Amino acid sequence: LSGSPLSSGINAEYGNTRVYCGHEYTAQNLKFAKHVEPHNTDILAMIEEVTKKRKAGEPTIPTTIGLEKKINPFMRVKEDAVQKFAGNTDPVEVMRIIREAKDHFRG
């Protein structure tokens, strides 16, 4: 769902739905999420959890839609902090701007 405009329309009823991605990108994705929302406590807590899991050789997946809606900027395009980062309030434009920022992110 990363980068998909439909991601902001996922209903709360899907919060417990598990998400299995094909690659272990969680740590890198969280670095970008922190870049977008440096004060998001859910992101900061997840960075700690992921760091511990990776040091122990454990996978960081699956995740859930509910968690992604708290930490994934592509699912948070209507949130003030993400819109502030993008310098725009239109969710489609915010999506475009953060997608472009992610494409160039080297954090």
Protein backbone atom coordinates (compact mmCIF):
# COMPACT_ATOMS: atom_id res chain seq x y z
CA LEU A 1 0.00 0.00 0.00
CA SER A 2 2.99 2.28 0.24
CA GLY A 3 2.36 5.20 -2.05
CA SER A 4 -1.22 4.25 -2.88
CA PRO A 5 -3.90 6.97 -2.58
CA LEU A 6 -6.37 4.32 -1.43
CA SER A 7 -4.27 3.70 1.66
CA SER A 8 -5.87 6.63 3.48
CA GLY A 9 -9.32 5.10 3.01
CA ILE A 10 -8.77 1.77 4.75
CA ASN A 11 -11.42 1.32 7.41
CA ALA A 12 -10.68 0.70 11.07
CA GLU A 13 -12.27 -2.74 10.78
CA TYR A 14 -9.14 -3.91 8.98
CA GLY A 15 -6.81 -2.81 11.79
CA ASN A 16 -5.90 -6.35 12.82
CA THR A 17 -5.30 -7.52 9.26
CA ARG A 18 -1.76 -8.81 8.99
CA VAL A 19 0.55 -7.50 6.28
CA TYR A 20 3.32 -9.71 4.96
CA CYS A 21 5.83 -7.93 2.76
CA GLY A 22 8.30 -9.84 0.64
CA HIS A 23 11.47 -8.15 1.90
CA GLU A 24 12.90 -6.94 5.20
CA TYR A 25 12.70 -3.18 4.67
CA THR A 26 11.18 -2.26 8.02
CA ALA A 27 14.24 -0.55 9.53
CA GLN A 28 14.88 1.56 6.43
CA ASN A 29 11.20 2.45 6.11
CA LEU A 30 11.16 3.57 9.73
CA LYS A 31 14.15 5.83 9.12
CA PHE A 32 12.15 7.57 6.42
CA ALA A 33 9.03 7.69 8.61
CA LYS A 34 11.09 9.36 11.36
CA HIS A 35 12.41 11.85 8.79
CA VAL A 36 8.81 12.76 7.93
CA GLU A 37 7.48 12.68 11.51
CA PRO A 38 10.40 13.05 13.94
CA HIS A 39 8.12 13.45 16.96
CA ASN A 40 5.79 10.50 16.29
CA THR A 41 6.16 8.37 19.42
CA ASP A 42 4.77 5.28 17.69
CA ILE A 43 7.56 5.50 15.11
CA LEU A 44 10.21 6.02 17.77
CA ALA A 45 8.96 3.03 19.78
CA MET A 46 8.84 0.85 16.67
CA ILE A 47 12.42 1.79 15.79
CA GLU A 48 13.50 0.47 19.20
CA GLU A 49 11.50 -2.73 18.77
CA VAL A 50 12.81 -3.35 15.25
CA THR A 51 16.39 -2.72 16.33
CA LYS A 52 16.05 -5.34 19.08
CA LYS A 53 14.44 -7.86 16.74
CA ARG A 54 17.07 -7.43 14.04
CA LYS A 55 19.93 -7.76 16.57
CA ALA A 56 18.34 -11.02 17.72
CA GLY A 57 18.04 -12.20 14.12
CA GLU A 58 14.25 -12.09 14.25
CA PRO A 59 11.99 -10.89 11.44
CA THR A 60 10.04 -7.67 11.87
CA ILE A 61 7.11 -8.90 9.83
CA PRO A 62 4.22 -9.41 9.73
CA THR A 63 2.82 -6.06 10.71
CA THR A 64 -0.82 -4.97 10.83
CA ILE A 65 -2.89 -2.38 9.02
CA GLY A 66 -3.54 -0.77 12.42
CA LEU A 67 0.16 -0.38 13.15
CA GLU A 68 0.92 0.83 9.63
CA LYS A 69 -1.72 3.54 10.04
CA LYS A 70 0.28 4.80 13.04
CA ILE A 71 3.80 4.65 11.56
CA ASN A 72 3.63 4.64 7.76
CA PRO A 73 3.60 8.16 6.30
CA PHE A 74 1.95 6.85 3.13
CA MET A 75 -1.03 5.85 5.24
CA ARG A 76 -0.99 9.14 7.14
CA VAL A 77 -1.43 11.68 4.33
CA LYS A 78 -4.27 13.39 6.20
CA GLU A 79 -2.24 13.86 9.40
CA ASP A 80 -1.04 17.38 10.22
CA ALA A 81 2.60 16.38 10.74
CA VAL A 82 2.80 14.60 7.38
CA GLN A 83 1.08 17.49 5.61
CA LYS A 84 3.48 19.91 7.28
CA PHE A 85 6.44 17.88 6.00
CA ALA A 86 4.94 17.94 2.50
CA GLY A 87 4.02 21.62 2.69
CA ASN A 88 0.59 20.76 1.32
CA THR A 89 -2.81 19.68 2.66
CA ASP A 90 -4.25 17.92 -0.39
CA PRO A 91 -3.88 14.18 0.38
CA VAL A 92 -3.07 13.26 -3.22
CA GLU A 93 -0.38 15.94 -3.42
CA VAL A 94 0.96 14.93 -0.01
CA MET A 95 1.23 11.36 -1.30
CA ARG A 96 3.10 12.53 -4.40
CA ILE A 97 5.47 14.73 -2.41
CA ILE A 98 6.37 12.10 0.19
CA ARG A 99 6.74 9.44 -2.53
CA GLU A 100 9.23 11.71 -4.29
CA ALA A 101 11.00 12.38 -0.99
CA LYS A 102 11.22 8.62 -0.33
CA ASP A 103 12.65 8.02 -3.81
CA HIS A 104 15.52 10.40 -2.96
CA PHE A 105 15.91 9.50 0.73
CA ARG A 106 19.33 8.16 1.69
CA GLY A 107 18.90 8.12 5.48
